[in-house]
Protein backbone atom coordinates (compact mmCIF):
# COMPACT_ATOMS: atom_id res chain seq x y z
CA MET A 1 106.70 90.02 94.35
CA ASN A 2 104.38 92.69 92.94
CA LYS A 3 105.12 96.42 92.91
CA GLY A 4 102.73 97.22 95.79
CA LYS A 5 104.42 94.71 98.08
CA VAL A 6 107.85 96.00 97.12
CA VAL A 7 106.80 99.59 97.89
CA LYS A 8 105.33 98.55 101.26
CA PHE A 9 108.45 96.55 102.12
CA VAL A 10 110.72 99.47 101.21
CA PHE A 11 108.54 101.81 103.31
CA CYS A 12 108.90 99.47 106.31
CA PHE A 13 112.63 99.39 105.83
CA ILE A 14 112.87 103.20 105.75
CA LEU A 15 110.52 103.57 108.71
CA LEU A 16 112.60 101.22 110.83
CA ILE A 17 115.73 103.23 110.16
CA ALA A 18 114.05 106.55 110.94
CA ILE A 19 112.40 105.37 114.15
CA ALA A 20 115.34 103.42 115.53
CA ILE A 21 117.79 106.24 114.61
CA VAL A 22 120.49 103.87 113.42
CA ALA A 23 123.91 104.83 112.13
CA ARG A 24 123.89 102.34 109.29
CA MET A 25 121.31 100.63 107.13
CA VAL A 26 119.49 97.53 108.28
CA THR A 27 120.50 94.48 106.28
CA ILE A 28 117.68 92.75 104.44
CA LYS A 29 117.99 89.10 103.54
CA GLU A 30 115.54 87.37 101.19
CA ASN A 31 112.96 90.17 101.54
CA GLU A 32 111.57 88.52 104.67
CA THR A 33 114.26 89.17 107.26
CA PHE A 34 115.54 92.27 109.06
CA ILE A 35 118.86 92.08 110.83
CA ILE A 36 118.96 94.83 113.43
CA PRO A 37 122.43 96.39 113.65
CA ASN A 38 124.26 96.40 116.97
CA GLU A 39 123.94 100.21 117.14
CA VAL A 40 120.18 99.90 117.67
CA GLU A 41 119.19 100.06 121.32
CA ILE A 42 115.49 100.96 120.96
CA ILE A 43 112.72 99.77 118.67
CA ARG A 44 110.03 102.46 118.74
CA LYS A 45 106.23 102.18 118.62
CA TYR A 46 104.86 100.97 115.29
CA ALA A 47 108.37 100.46 113.86
CA PHE A 48 107.14 97.45 111.90
CA GLN A 49 103.61 98.65 111.13
CA GLY A 50 102.47 97.27 107.79
CA CYS A 51 105.48 94.98 107.37
CA GLU A 52 103.43 92.03 106.17
CA ASN A 53 106.36 90.25 104.51
CA LEU A 54 108.48 90.20 107.65
CA LYS A 55 108.95 86.64 108.85
CA ASN A 56 112.28 86.78 110.67
CA LEU A 57 113.87 89.43 112.84
CA VAL A 58 117.38 89.13 114.22
CA PHE A 59 117.78 91.43 117.22
CA SER A 60 120.96 93.34 117.97
CA LYS A 61 122.96 92.25 120.97
CA ASN A 62 122.69 95.81 122.31
CA LEU A 63 118.90 96.05 122.12
CA LYS A 64 117.56 97.35 125.43
CA ILE A 65 113.98 98.51 124.77
CA ILE A 66 111.14 97.36 122.53
CA GLU A 67 108.36 99.88 122.94
CA GLU A 68 104.73 98.86 123.22
CA SER A 69 103.05 98.32 119.84
CA ALA A 70 106.36 97.99 117.97
CA PHE A 71 104.96 95.05 116.01
CA GLU A 72 101.30 96.11 115.69
CA GLY A 73 99.71 96.61 112.32
């Protein structure tokens, strides 16, 4: 994985945490998967914008809302 992709992936990871307002860090597995912690109840607009490497997303059992455009971009 080149440096640009790593930077973009890390940015997506940080953005998800900030937007979802989670109490702990999202677990990343094999640089292609986000596991959303059970504390997350809302995924905000554009939470995954630019996350081109994301192939798998495991939703929390407490997830209640996925806002419009959460996966755009």
